[in-house]
Amino acid sequence: MMSKVYVAQENPKHSYQAAACYGEVVIVTTKEYAINKDTNKGIHEDIAKVVKEFNPNRDYLLISGDSMVFAILFASIMLKHLSCKVLKYSNLHEKYKEIKLSVDELIIDA
């Protein structure tokens, strides 16, 4: 099965063509959300589908759009799968860089 690149929230001004070399580009949401307890149901429905389909060994998350939408998507993926690969765009190199993350790496003892 082909890898998928899940774009947290589409930015219509941005081309995701450079991400296509990592897999099929899938837009999680195009909606604008006011993240609060009254509107969380909509974003959770969009994200729940992705969490079920996401394969941490094959798929990627792409940072795009509202940072809160990405944060909720990232946290949901990490809670279920304990790891993920994130694509971050480098303006300097004009391409995406793969960052592999696991829950163990994110835990900070305070």
Protein backbone atom coordinates (compact mmCIF):
# COMPACT_ATOMS: atom_id res chain seq x y z
CA MET A 1 0.00 0.00 0.00
CA MET A 2 1.21 3.50 -0.86
CA SER A 3 2.26 5.94 1.86
CA LYS A 4 -0.03 8.84 2.67
CA VAL A 5 0.87 12.39 3.61
CA TYR A 6 -1.85 13.78 5.85
CA VAL A 7 -2.06 17.58 5.59
CA ALA A 8 -3.58 18.80 8.85
CA GLN A 9 -5.42 21.75 7.31
CA GLU A 10 -5.21 22.90 3.73
CA ASN A 11 -3.74 26.30 2.98
CA PRO A 12 -5.09 27.21 -0.48
CA LYS A 13 -2.09 29.48 -1.08
CA HIS A 14 0.37 26.59 -0.65
CA SER A 15 1.25 23.86 -3.13
CA TYR A 16 1.79 20.43 -1.62
CA GLN A 17 3.41 19.08 -4.78
CA ALA A 18 6.82 18.74 -3.07
CA ALA A 19 5.23 16.46 -0.44
CA ALA A 20 3.87 14.09 -3.08
CA CYS A 21 7.26 12.37 -3.35
CA TYR A 22 6.54 10.96 0.14
CA GLY A 23 3.12 9.57 -0.82
CA GLU A 24 -0.47 10.40 -1.68
CA VAL A 25 -1.38 13.84 -0.30
CA VAL A 26 -4.57 13.67 1.80
CA ILE A 27 -6.17 16.84 3.19
CA VAL A 28 -7.56 16.21 6.69
CA THR A 29 -9.73 19.33 6.71
CA THR A 30 -10.35 22.48 4.72
CA LYS A 31 -12.67 23.89 7.39
CA GLU A 32 -11.84 26.76 9.70
CA TYR A 33 -12.42 25.83 13.34
CA ALA A 34 -12.71 28.01 16.40
CA ILE A 35 -11.16 25.51 18.77
CA ASN A 36 -13.35 25.44 21.87
CA LYS A 37 -15.57 22.97 23.70
CA ASP A 38 -18.58 23.84 21.51
CA THR A 39 -16.85 23.23 18.16
CA ASN A 40 -14.50 20.38 19.04
CA LYS A 41 -16.93 17.73 17.72
CA GLY A 42 -16.32 18.73 14.09
CA ILE A 43 -12.54 18.65 14.28
CA HIS A 44 -12.60 15.42 16.27
CA GLU A 45 -14.72 13.73 13.60
CA ASP A 46 -12.28 14.79 10.86
CA ILE A 47 -9.28 13.63 12.90
CA ALA A 48 -10.79 10.35 14.16
CA LYS A 49 -10.91 8.96 10.63
CA VAL A 50 -7.23 9.76 10.07
CA VAL A 51 -6.17 8.24 13.40
CA LYS A 52 -7.82 4.94 12.42
CA GLU A 53 -6.19 4.88 8.98
CA PHE A 54 -2.75 6.20 9.98
CA ASN A 55 0.15 3.75 9.79
CA PRO A 56 3.17 5.17 11.69
CA ASN A 57 5.60 2.98 9.74
CA ARG A 58 4.38 4.22 6.38
CA ASP A 59 2.51 7.53 6.64
CA TYR A 60 3.41 11.15 7.39
CA LEU A 61 1.86 14.22 9.02
CA LEU A 62 2.43 17.53 7.29
CA ILE A 63 2.48 20.75 9.29
CA SER A 64 0.07 23.13 7.57
CA GLY A 65 -2.77 25.47 8.47
CA ASP A 66 -3.97 26.29 11.96
CA SER A 67 -1.41 25.21 14.57
CA MET A 68 -4.17 24.03 16.93
CA VAL A 69 -5.62 21.72 14.27
CA PHE A 70 -2.15 20.25 13.74
CA ALA A 71 -1.59 19.98 17.52
CA ILE A 72 -4.82 18.02 18.02
CA LEU A 73 -4.03 15.76 15.04
CA PHE A 74 -0.44 15.18 16.24
CA ALA A 75 -1.51 14.46 19.84
CA SER A 76 -4.22 12.05 18.69
CA ILE A 77 -1.79 10.14 16.44
CA MET A 78 0.86 9.98 19.18
CA LEU A 79 -1.61 8.76 21.82
CA LYS A 80 -2.76 5.91 19.60
CA HIS A 81 0.41 4.95 17.72
CA LEU A 82 3.19 6.24 20.03
CA SER A 83 5.22 7.45 17.04
CA CYS A 84 4.89 9.27 13.75
CA LYS A 85 6.83 10.86 10.92
CA VAL A 86 6.31 14.59 10.36
CA LEU A 87 7.16 16.58 7.25
CA LYS A 88 8.41 20.11 7.87
CA TYR A 89 9.03 22.47 4.97
CA SER A 90 12.46 24.09 4.68
CA ASN A 91 12.31 27.48 2.97
CA LEU A 92 16.08 27.43 2.71
CA HIS A 93 16.21 24.13 0.80
CA GLU A 94 12.72 24.45 -0.77
CA LYS A 95 11.75 20.91 0.16
CA TYR A 96 10.28 18.91 3.01
CA LYS A 97 12.40 17.35 5.73
CA GLU A 98 11.29 14.15 7.46
CA ILE A 99 11.32 14.19 11.27
CA LYS A 100 10.72 10.89 13.10
CA LEU A 101 9.21 11.27 16.57
CA SER A 102 8.28 8.84 19.31
CA VAL A 103 6.52 9.33 22.63
CA ASP A 104 9.71 8.33 24.49
CA GLU A 105 11.59 11.19 22.82
CA LEU A 106 8.93 13.72 23.74
CA ILE A 107 8.68 12.93 27.45
CA ILE A 108 10.54 15.51 29.50
CA ASP A 109 11.17 14.86 33.18
CA ALA A 110 10.54 18.01 35.15
